[in-house]
Structures are given as structure tokens and as C-alpha cells.
């Protein structure tokens, strides 16, 4: 199911055919360094992870989406909204495969996700960024998010920077 499109990209629901790509993406060194190890140590664990994503689409009416090239349908990364138990609003989450960095895809897909959040009538969005992830911090600030605090938001999590963006009524 396609959620939204931009000039170059489309964002769609993640499905089981994306397992190989997600396994690779979630195991790239920068992903693990800046986002964390999500335990996708095998394709079977990745398939179970995808089942969880699909359950969240039903529960929240949003979650992470696959970002793909609109023309070739080649997967580029993920971008979407995640509702965490310990936050009062969804946070935007994105990760691109390293070979697609510095081409504007993170900005383009994030702008589409923010517009999608407006269509869902969300009042605000949050962003959680590792303090040493300067590229993502620059992107979040470019998207109009404001720094709120640096904190350990959940007991099992690392210290992160929390950002907030109020969406137009």
C-alpha cells in the first residue's frame, strides 16, 4: 500500500518481500551506531520484525514505511512515525542505506512523512537523535524541529537528544 509520493520517491507499507533489504539496512554499521542494534541477526528474525511493523499499521494507522525509488522501485531506506510507550506523540524515524546518503532522500522522504502526519491530524511530532549523529541533527533542524532536551528517555535506552515540531492546525 502506497502512503505518499514525492518527485523521486514513494513511501509504502513494509512487507515480507522487503526482508533482505531490511536485514542489510538494520545491520549496517552507521545504523547500529546511531539508532541501535534491533536484533535482526537473521532473515527469520527480520521476518518476525516485519510482522510487528504490520501489526503496528493496524494498531496506530502508521509506522515505518519503505522508501523506494519511484521509477525503479529500488529500496532506499525507511522513514515513518513510531509511537513509543514513553512519549506523548509519535517520533519521526528514518534510515537510509549508505549508498543513498547525501542525495537529499532523507529530507525529501521526511517532508513527505511530516505531510502524512498532518493528514493523520497529529498535533505534534517528536524526533529522537543520538547526540553524535550530526547529519540527522542538521536534517531535523532543517525540517523545523526544536531541541527540547538531552536525556535518557527510557531505562534501557542511551542518552538522546529530543526534538519537537508542532504541526499546523
N, C-alpha and C. Protein backbone atom coordinates (compact mmCIF):
# COMPACT_ATOMS: atom_id res chain seq x y z
N UNK A 1 0.84 -1.18 0.00
CA UNK A 1 0.00 0.00 0.00
C UNK A 1 0.89 1.25 0.00
N UNK A 2 0.72 2.07 -1.00
CA UNK A 2 1.48 3.31 -1.11
C UNK A 2 0.85 4.36 -0.20
N UNK A 3 1.67 5.00 0.63
CA UNK A 3 1.22 6.01 1.57
C UNK A 3 1.29 7.40 0.96
N UNK A 4 2.43 7.70 0.32
CA UNK A 4 2.62 9.01 -0.28
C UNK A 4 3.75 8.93 -1.30
N UNK A 5 3.82 9.94 -2.16
CA UNK A 5 4.86 10.01 -3.17
C UNK A 5 5.43 11.42 -3.24
N UNK A 6 6.67 11.49 -3.68
CA UNK A 6 7.33 12.77 -3.95
C UNK A 6 7.76 12.72 -5.41
N UNK A 7 8.55 13.68 -5.84
CA UNK A 7 9.03 13.67 -7.21
C UNK A 7 9.85 12.41 -7.52
N UNK A 8 10.70 12.00 -6.57
CA UNK A 8 11.60 10.88 -6.83
C UNK A 8 11.28 9.61 -6.06
N UNK A 9 10.46 9.72 -5.03
CA UNK A 9 10.29 8.62 -4.09
C UNK A 9 8.83 8.24 -3.89
N UNK A 10 8.64 7.01 -3.44
CA UNK A 10 7.34 6.64 -2.89
C UNK A 10 7.57 5.93 -1.57
N UNK A 11 6.64 6.15 -0.65
CA UNK A 11 6.68 5.51 0.65
C UNK A 11 5.50 4.57 0.73
N UNK A 12 5.79 3.33 1.10
CA UNK A 12 4.75 2.31 1.13
C UNK A 12 4.90 1.43 2.36
N UNK A 13 3.85 0.67 2.64
CA UNK A 13 3.90 -0.29 3.74
C UNK A 13 5.02 -1.29 3.49
N UNK A 14 5.69 -1.67 4.55
CA UNK A 14 6.73 -2.69 4.51
C UNK A 14 6.04 -4.06 4.50
N UNK A 15 6.55 -4.96 3.65
CA UNK A 15 6.00 -6.31 3.61
C UNK A 15 7.14 -7.34 3.61
N UNK A 16 6.78 -8.60 3.63
CA UNK A 16 7.77 -9.66 3.75
C UNK A 16 8.78 -9.68 2.61
N UNK A 17 8.42 -9.18 1.45
CA UNK A 17 9.37 -9.15 0.33
C UNK A 17 10.52 -8.17 0.58
N UNK A 18 10.41 -7.36 1.62
CA UNK A 18 11.45 -6.39 1.96
C UNK A 18 12.46 -6.93 2.98
N UNK A 19 12.34 -8.18 3.35
CA UNK A 19 13.17 -8.76 4.41
C UNK A 19 14.67 -8.65 4.10
N UNK A 20 15.09 -9.00 2.90
CA UNK A 20 16.52 -8.93 2.57
C UNK A 20 17.06 -7.51 2.71
N UNK A 21 16.30 -6.54 2.19
CA UNK A 21 16.75 -5.15 2.27
C UNK A 21 16.83 -4.68 3.73
N UNK A 22 15.79 -4.96 4.51
CA UNK A 22 15.80 -4.52 5.92
C UNK A 22 16.90 -5.20 6.71
N UNK A 23 17.13 -6.47 6.45
CA UNK A 23 18.22 -7.17 7.12
C UNK A 23 19.54 -6.46 6.87
N UNK A 24 19.78 -6.08 5.62
CA UNK A 24 21.01 -5.36 5.27
C UNK A 24 21.04 -3.98 5.93
N UNK A 25 19.98 -3.22 5.79
CA UNK A 25 19.94 -1.85 6.32
C UNK A 25 20.14 -1.83 7.83
N UNK A 26 19.43 -2.65 8.55
CA UNK A 26 19.48 -2.64 10.01
C UNK A 26 20.79 -3.19 10.56
N UNK A 27 21.59 -3.80 9.71
CA UNK A 27 22.88 -4.33 10.14
C UNK A 27 24.06 -3.52 9.62
N UNK A 28 23.80 -2.39 8.96
CA UNK A 28 24.89 -1.51 8.54
C UNK A 28 25.46 -0.82 9.78
N UNK A 29 26.76 -0.65 9.80
CA UNK A 29 27.45 -0.08 10.97
C UNK A 29 26.87 1.27 11.42
N UNK A 30 26.61 2.23 10.52
CA UNK A 30 26.06 3.52 10.98
C UNK A 30 24.67 3.37 11.61
N UNK A 31 23.87 2.43 11.10
CA UNK A 31 22.55 2.20 11.70
C UNK A 31 22.72 1.74 13.15
N UNK A 32 23.56 0.75 13.36
CA UNK A 32 23.77 0.22 14.70
C UNK A 32 24.37 1.29 15.61
N UNK A 33 25.30 2.08 15.09
CA UNK A 33 25.93 3.13 15.90
C UNK A 33 24.95 4.21 16.32
N UNK A 34 24.14 4.71 15.39
CA UNK A 34 23.30 5.87 15.67
C UNK A 34 21.87 5.54 16.10
N UNK A 35 21.38 4.39 15.68
CA UNK A 35 19.99 4.03 16.00
C UNK A 35 19.95 2.89 17.01
N UNK A 36 20.82 1.93 16.82
CA UNK A 36 20.89 0.82 17.77
C UNK A 36 20.75 -0.52 17.09
N UNK A 37 21.15 -1.53 17.81
CA UNK A 37 21.04 -2.89 17.31
C UNK A 37 19.62 -3.38 17.57
N UNK A 38 18.89 -3.64 16.54
CA UNK A 38 17.49 -4.08 16.67
C UNK A 38 17.35 -5.59 16.70
N UNK A 39 18.48 -6.29 16.77
CA UNK A 39 18.45 -7.74 16.92
C UNK A 39 18.08 -8.50 15.67
N UNK A 40 18.23 -7.88 14.51
CA UNK A 40 17.89 -8.57 13.26
C UNK A 40 19.11 -9.35 12.78
N UNK A 41 19.42 -10.41 13.49
CA UNK A 41 20.64 -11.18 13.22
C UNK A 41 20.43 -12.29 12.19
N UNK A 42 19.20 -12.43 11.72
CA UNK A 42 18.91 -13.44 10.69
C UNK A 42 17.70 -12.98 9.89
N UNK A 43 17.52 -13.60 8.73
CA UNK A 43 16.33 -13.27 7.93
C UNK A 43 15.05 -13.69 8.64
N UNK A 44 15.09 -14.78 9.39
CA UNK A 44 13.88 -15.20 10.10
C UNK A 44 13.50 -14.17 11.18
N UNK A 45 14.49 -13.62 11.88
CA UNK A 45 14.20 -12.57 12.87
C UNK A 45 13.70 -11.30 12.17
N UNK A 46 14.22 -11.02 10.98
CA UNK A 46 13.76 -9.87 10.22
C UNK A 46 12.30 -10.05 9.81
N UNK A 47 11.92 -11.25 9.43
CA UNK A 47 10.52 -11.52 9.05
C UNK A 47 9.58 -11.33 10.25
N UNK A 48 10.01 -11.76 11.42
CA UNK A 48 9.20 -11.55 12.63
C UNK A 48 9.09 -10.05 12.93
N UNK A 49 10.19 -9.32 12.74
CA UNK A 49 10.20 -7.86 12.92
C UNK A 49 9.19 -7.21 11.98
N UNK A 50 9.15 -7.67 10.74
CA UNK A 50 8.19 -7.13 9.75
C UNK A 50 6.75 -7.41 10.19
N UNK A 51 6.50 -8.56 10.77
CA UNK A 51 5.16 -8.86 11.29
C UNK A 51 4.77 -7.84 12.36
N UNK A 52 5.74 -7.44 13.19
CA UNK A 52 5.48 -6.42 14.20
C UNK A 52 5.15 -5.07 13.58
N UNK A 53 5.87 -4.72 12.53
CA UNK A 53 5.58 -3.47 11.81
C UNK A 53 4.16 -3.51 11.27
N UNK A 54 3.79 -4.62 10.65
CA UNK A 54 2.44 -4.74 10.07
C UNK A 54 1.36 -4.67 11.15
N UNK A 55 1.63 -5.23 12.32
CA UNK A 55 0.67 -5.12 13.43
C UNK A 55 0.52 -3.67 13.87
N UNK A 56 1.62 -2.92 13.85
CA UNK A 56 1.55 -1.50 14.24
C UNK A 56 0.79 -0.66 13.23
N UNK A 57 0.82 -1.02 11.94
CA UNK A 57 -0.02 -0.32 10.96
C UNK A 57 -1.49 -0.42 11.38
N UNK A 58 -1.89 -1.60 11.82
CA UNK A 58 -3.28 -1.81 12.23
C UNK A 58 -3.59 -1.10 13.54
N UNK A 59 -2.65 -1.12 14.47
CA UNK A 59 -2.87 -0.53 15.80
C UNK A 59 -2.89 0.99 15.76
N UNK A 60 -1.94 1.61 15.03
CA UNK A 60 -1.77 3.07 15.06
C UNK A 60 -2.19 3.79 13.77
N UNK A 61 -2.36 3.04 12.70
CA UNK A 61 -2.64 3.61 11.38
C UNK A 61 -1.42 4.30 10.78
N UNK A 62 -0.24 3.99 11.31
CA UNK A 62 1.03 4.47 10.78
C UNK A 62 2.14 3.63 11.37
N UNK A 63 3.33 3.73 10.86
CA UNK A 63 4.56 3.17 11.42
C UNK A 63 5.66 3.50 10.43
N UNK A 64 6.71 2.74 10.41
CA UNK A 64 7.78 2.95 9.43
C UNK A 64 7.33 2.47 8.06
N UNK A 65 7.75 3.20 7.04
CA UNK A 65 7.42 2.85 5.66
C UNK A 65 8.72 2.60 4.88
N UNK A 66 8.61 1.79 3.85
CA UNK A 66 9.75 1.59 2.96
C UNK A 66 9.83 2.79 2.02
N UNK A 67 11.01 3.36 1.90
CA UNK A 67 11.26 4.44 0.95
C UNK A 67 11.90 3.80 -0.27
N UNK A 68 11.29 4.01 -1.43
CA UNK A 68 11.86 3.42 -2.63
C UNK A 68 11.85 4.42 -3.78
N UNK A 69 12.77 4.19 -4.72
CA UNK A 69 12.84 4.99 -5.93
C UNK A 69 11.53 4.82 -6.68
N UNK A 70 10.90 5.92 -7.01
CA UNK A 70 9.58 5.90 -7.63
C UNK A 70 9.60 5.20 -8.99
N UNK A 71 10.68 5.38 -9.74
CA UNK A 71 10.75 4.81 -11.09
C UNK A 71 11.20 3.35 -11.09
N UNK A 72 12.26 3.05 -10.34
CA UNK A 72 12.84 1.70 -10.38
C UNK A 72 12.28 0.77 -9.32
N UNK A 73 11.60 1.33 -8.31
CA UNK A 73 11.09 0.58 -7.16
C UNK A 73 12.21 0.00 -6.30
N UNK A 74 13.44 0.48 -6.50
CA UNK A 74 14.57 0.03 -5.69
C UNK A 74 14.46 0.60 -4.28
N UNK A 75 14.59 -0.23 -3.23
CA UNK A 75 14.51 0.29 -1.86
C UNK A 75 15.72 1.15 -1.52
N UNK A 76 15.45 2.24 -0.81
CA UNK A 76 16.47 3.21 -0.43
C UNK A 76 16.65 3.23 1.09
N UNK A 77 15.55 3.08 1.82
CA UNK A 77 15.60 3.15 3.27
C UNK A 77 14.23 3.03 3.88
N UNK A 78 14.11 3.50 5.11
CA UNK A 78 12.83 3.54 5.80
C UNK A 78 12.63 4.95 6.36
N UNK A 79 11.38 5.32 6.48
CA UNK A 79 11.03 6.60 7.10
C UNK A 79 9.58 6.47 7.55
N UNK A 80 9.26 7.06 8.66
CA UNK A 80 7.89 6.99 9.13
C UNK A 80 7.75 7.50 10.55
N UNK A 81 6.68 7.07 11.18
CA UNK A 81 6.32 7.53 12.51
C UNK A 81 6.26 6.34 13.45
N UNK A 82 6.84 6.49 14.62
CA UNK A 82 6.87 5.43 15.63
C UNK A 82 6.24 5.98 16.91
N UNK A 83 5.27 5.25 17.46
CA UNK A 83 4.67 5.65 18.73
C UNK A 83 5.30 4.82 19.84
N UNK A 84 6.05 5.47 20.68
CA UNK A 84 6.71 4.77 21.80
C UNK A 84 5.87 4.96 23.06
N UNK A 85 5.85 3.93 23.89
CA UNK A 85 5.04 3.96 25.12
C UNK A 85 5.40 5.13 26.02
N UNK A 86 6.66 5.54 26.02
CA UNK A 86 7.12 6.55 26.95
C UNK A 86 7.10 7.98 26.38
N UNK A 87 6.55 8.17 25.18
CA UNK A 87 6.44 9.50 24.59
C UNK A 87 4.98 9.86 24.34
N UNK A 88 4.66 11.16 24.43
CA UNK A 88 3.27 11.60 24.28
C UNK A 88 2.88 11.90 22.84
N UNK A 89 3.78 11.66 21.89
CA UNK A 89 3.49 11.87 20.48
C UNK A 89 4.42 10.95 19.67
N UNK A 90 4.05 10.66 18.44
CA UNK A 90 4.93 9.84 17.61
C UNK A 90 6.23 10.57 17.29
N UNK A 91 7.28 9.78 17.07
CA UNK A 91 8.52 10.40 16.62
C UNK A 91 8.82 9.93 15.20
N UNK A 92 9.41 10.84 14.44
CA UNK A 92 9.80 10.53 13.08
C UNK A 92 11.09 9.73 13.13
N UNK A 93 11.14 8.68 12.35
CA UNK A 93 12.32 7.84 12.31
C UNK A 93 12.72 7.56 10.88
N UNK A 94 14.00 7.69 10.59
CA UNK A 94 14.46 7.46 9.22
C UNK A 94 15.84 6.84 9.22
N UNK A 95 16.09 6.05 8.20
CA UNK A 95 17.40 5.46 7.98
C UNK A 95 17.51 5.11 6.51
N UNK A 96 18.60 5.51 5.91
CA UNK A 96 18.84 5.22 4.50
C UNK A 96 20.05 4.31 4.38
N UNK A 97 20.00 3.44 3.40
CA UNK A 97 21.16 2.63 3.08
C UNK A 97 22.31 3.58 2.71
N UNK A 98 23.51 3.26 3.16
CA UNK A 98 24.65 4.17 2.99
C UNK A 98 24.86 4.63 1.56
N UNK A 99 24.57 3.80 0.58
CA UNK A 99 24.83 4.19 -0.80
C UNK A 99 23.88 5.29 -1.29
N UNK A 100 22.88 5.63 -0.48
CA UNK A 100 21.94 6.70 -0.87
C UNK A 100 22.10 7.96 -0.03
N UNK A 101 23.13 8.02 0.77
CA UNK A 101 23.37 9.22 1.57
C UNK A 101 23.74 10.40 0.68
N UNK A 102 23.51 11.60 1.20
CA UNK A 102 23.92 12.87 0.58
C UNK A 102 23.31 13.10 -0.79
N UNK A 103 22.09 12.59 -0.99
CA UNK A 103 21.38 12.82 -2.25
C UNK A 103 20.02 13.49 -2.03
N UNK A 104 19.76 13.91 -0.78
CA UNK A 104 18.52 14.60 -0.47
C UNK A 104 17.34 13.69 -0.19
N UNK A 105 17.55 12.38 -0.18
CA UNK A 105 16.44 11.45 0.02
C UNK A 105 15.88 11.50 1.44
N UNK A 106 16.72 11.69 2.43
CA UNK A 106 16.24 11.76 3.82
C UNK A 106 15.35 12.99 4.00
N UNK A 107 15.78 14.12 3.47
CA UNK A 107 14.96 15.34 3.56
C UNK A 107 13.65 15.16 2.81
N UNK A 108 13.72 14.67 1.59
CA UNK A 108 12.53 14.52 0.76
C UNK A 108 11.52 13.55 1.39
N UNK A 109 12.01 12.42 1.88
CA UNK A 109 11.09 11.45 2.49
C UNK A 109 10.56 11.95 3.83
N UNK A 110 11.37 12.68 4.58
CA UNK A 110 10.92 13.23 5.86
C UNK A 110 9.86 14.30 5.66
N UNK A 111 10.01 15.13 4.65
CA UNK A 111 8.98 16.13 4.35
C UNK A 111 7.66 15.43 4.01
N UNK A 112 7.74 14.33 3.28
CA UNK A 112 6.53 13.57 2.94
C UNK A 112 5.91 12.95 4.19
N UNK A 113 6.72 12.46 5.12
CA UNK A 113 6.20 11.88 6.36
C UNK A 113 5.55 12.96 7.22
N UNK A 114 6.13 14.14 7.28
CA UNK A 114 5.52 15.24 8.04
C UNK A 114 4.16 15.61 7.45
N UNK A 115 4.07 15.66 6.14
CA UNK A 115 2.79 15.95 5.49
C UNK A 115 1.78 14.84 5.79
N UNK A 116 2.24 13.61 5.77
CA UNK A 116 1.39 12.46 6.12
C UNK A 116 0.88 12.60 7.56
N UNK A 117 1.73 13.03 8.47
CA UNK A 117 1.33 13.24 9.87
C UNK A 117 0.24 14.31 9.96
N UNK A 118 0.35 15.35 9.16
CA UNK A 118 -0.69 16.39 9.14
C UNK A 118 -2.02 15.79 8.65
N UNK A 119 -1.95 14.95 7.63
CA UNK A 119 -3.17 14.31 7.12
C UNK A 119 -3.80 13.39 8.16
N UNK A 120 -2.96 12.82 9.02
CA UNK A 120 -3.46 11.99 10.12
C UNK A 120 -3.98 12.83 11.29
N UNK A 121 -3.89 14.16 11.15
CA UNK A 121 -4.36 15.10 12.18
C UNK A 121 -3.55 15.04 13.46
N UNK A 122 -2.28 14.68 13.35
CA UNK A 122 -1.41 14.69 14.52
C UNK A 122 -1.07 16.13 14.88
N UNK A 123 -1.00 16.43 16.16
CA UNK A 123 -0.75 17.81 16.62
C UNK A 123 0.73 18.15 16.69
N UNK A 124 1.55 17.13 16.99
CA UNK A 124 2.99 17.38 17.07
C UNK A 124 3.73 16.10 16.74
N UNK A 125 4.99 16.29 16.39
CA UNK A 125 5.91 15.18 16.16
C UNK A 125 7.14 15.38 17.01
N UNK A 126 7.73 14.29 17.39
CA UNK A 126 8.99 14.30 18.10
C UNK A 126 10.06 13.69 17.22
N UNK A 127 11.29 13.90 17.60
CA UNK A 127 12.43 13.24 16.94
C UNK A 127 13.43 12.90 18.03
N UNK A 128 13.96 11.69 17.95
CA UNK A 128 14.97 11.21 18.89
C UNK A 128 16.25 10.99 18.09
N UNK A 129 17.31 11.71 18.46
CA UNK A 129 18.55 11.64 17.69
C UNK A 129 19.71 11.38 18.66
N UNK A 130 20.57 10.48 18.27
CA UNK A 130 21.80 10.24 19.00
C UNK A 130 22.61 11.54 19.01
N UNK A 131 23.14 11.98 20.16
CA UNK A 131 23.85 13.26 20.24
C UNK A 131 25.04 13.40 19.28
N UNK A 132 25.63 12.28 18.87
CA UNK A 132 26.78 12.36 17.95
C UNK A 132 26.39 12.19 16.48
N UNK A 133 25.11 12.12 16.20
CA UNK A 133 24.65 11.96 14.82
C UNK A 133 24.38 13.34 14.20
N UNK A 134 25.46 14.02 13.85
CA UNK A 134 25.35 15.41 13.40
C UNK A 134 24.54 15.56 12.11
N UNK A 135 24.62 14.60 11.22
CA UNK A 135 23.86 14.69 9.96
C UNK A 135 22.36 14.68 10.23
N UNK A 136 21.91 13.78 11.10
CA UNK A 136 20.48 13.72 11.41
C UNK A 136 20.03 14.94 12.21
N UNK A 137 20.89 15.45 13.07
CA UNK A 137 20.55 16.66 13.83
C UNK A 137 20.35 17.83 12.86
N UNK A 138 21.25 17.98 11.90
CA UNK A 138 21.10 19.06 10.90
C UNK A 138 19.81 18.90 10.12
N UNK A 139 19.49 17.67 9.74
CA UNK A 139 18.27 17.42 8.98
C UNK A 139 17.03 17.75 9.80
N UNK A 140 16.98 17.30 11.02
CA UNK A 140 15.81 17.55 11.88
C UNK A 140 15.62 19.05 12.10
N UNK A 141 16.72 19.77 12.29
CA UNK A 141 16.63 21.22 12.47
C UNK A 141 16.17 21.89 11.17
N UNK A 142 16.64 21.41 10.04
CA UNK A 142 16.20 21.94 8.74
C UNK A 142 14.71 21.72 8.53
N UNK A 143 14.18 20.65 9.10
CA UNK A 143 12.75 20.34 8.99
C UNK A 143 11.90 21.13 9.98
N UNK A 144 12.54 21.97 10.81
CA UNK A 144 11.79 22.84 11.72
C UNK A 144 11.54 22.27 13.10
N UNK A 145 12.26 21.23 13.47
CA UNK A 145 12.14 20.69 14.82
C UNK A 145 13.00 21.53 15.76
N UNK A 146 12.51 21.71 16.98
CA UNK A 146 13.23 22.45 18.01
C UNK A 146 13.77 21.49 19.07
N UNK A 147 14.98 21.78 19.52
CA UNK A 147 15.60 20.98 20.59
C UNK A 147 14.80 21.16 21.87
N UNK A 148 14.49 20.05 22.54
CA UNK A 148 13.76 20.08 23.81
C UNK A 148 14.70 19.78 24.97
N UNK A 149 15.40 18.64 24.88
CA UNK A 149 16.30 18.26 25.98
C UNK A 149 17.16 17.08 25.55
N UNK A 150 18.21 16.88 26.32
CA UNK A 150 19.04 15.69 26.18
C UNK A 150 18.79 14.86 27.42
N UNK A 151 18.41 13.59 27.21
CA UNK A 151 18.00 12.79 28.36
C UNK A 151 18.01 11.32 27.98
N UNK A 152 17.92 10.49 28.99
CA UNK A 152 17.71 9.06 28.81
C UNK A 152 16.20 8.87 28.94
N UNK A 153 15.51 8.69 27.83
CA UNK A 153 14.05 8.71 27.82
C UNK A 153 13.42 7.43 28.37
N UNK A 154 14.15 6.34 28.29
CA UNK A 154 13.66 5.06 28.83
C UNK A 154 14.84 4.36 29.49
N UNK A 155 14.59 3.58 30.52
CA UNK A 155 15.69 2.96 31.28
C UNK A 155 16.67 2.16 30.42
N UNK A 156 16.19 1.47 29.40
CA UNK A 156 17.08 0.63 28.59
C UNK A 156 17.72 1.38 27.42
N UNK A 157 17.41 2.64 27.27
CA UNK A 157 17.90 3.43 26.13
C UNK A 157 19.13 4.25 26.50
N UNK A 158 19.88 4.63 25.46
CA UNK A 158 21.03 5.52 25.62
C UNK A 158 20.52 6.96 25.76
N UNK A 159 21.39 7.86 26.20
CA UNK A 159 21.05 9.28 26.24
C UNK A 159 20.88 9.78 24.81
N UNK A 160 19.81 10.53 24.58
CA UNK A 160 19.49 11.03 23.24
C UNK A 160 19.07 12.50 23.31
N UNK A 161 19.08 13.13 22.15
CA UNK A 161 18.51 14.47 22.02
C UNK A 161 17.05 14.32 21.60
N UNK A 162 16.16 15.04 22.27
CA UNK A 162 14.75 15.03 21.93
C UNK A 162 14.39 16.35 21.28
N UNK A 163 13.73 16.27 20.14
CA UNK A 163 13.27 17.43 19.37
C UNK A 163 11.76 17.37 19.23
N UNK A 164 11.16 18.53 18.97
CA UNK A 164 9.72 18.60 18.82
C UNK A 164 9.35 19.55 17.68
N UNK A 165 8.29 19.21 16.98
CA UNK A 165 7.75 20.08 15.94
C UNK A 165 6.23 20.11 16.10
N UNK A 166 5.68 21.30 16.27
CA UNK A 166 4.23 21.46 16.33
C UNK A 166 3.72 21.54 14.90
N UNK A 167 2.70 20.76 14.62
CA UNK A 167 2.11 20.75 13.28
C UNK A 167 0.97 21.75 13.22
N UNK A 168 0.83 22.40 12.09
CA UNK A 168 -0.22 23.42 11.91
C UNK A 168 -1.59 22.78 12.11
N UNK A 169 -2.44 23.55 12.74
CA UNK A 169 -3.82 23.08 12.98
C UNK A 169 -4.58 22.97 11.70
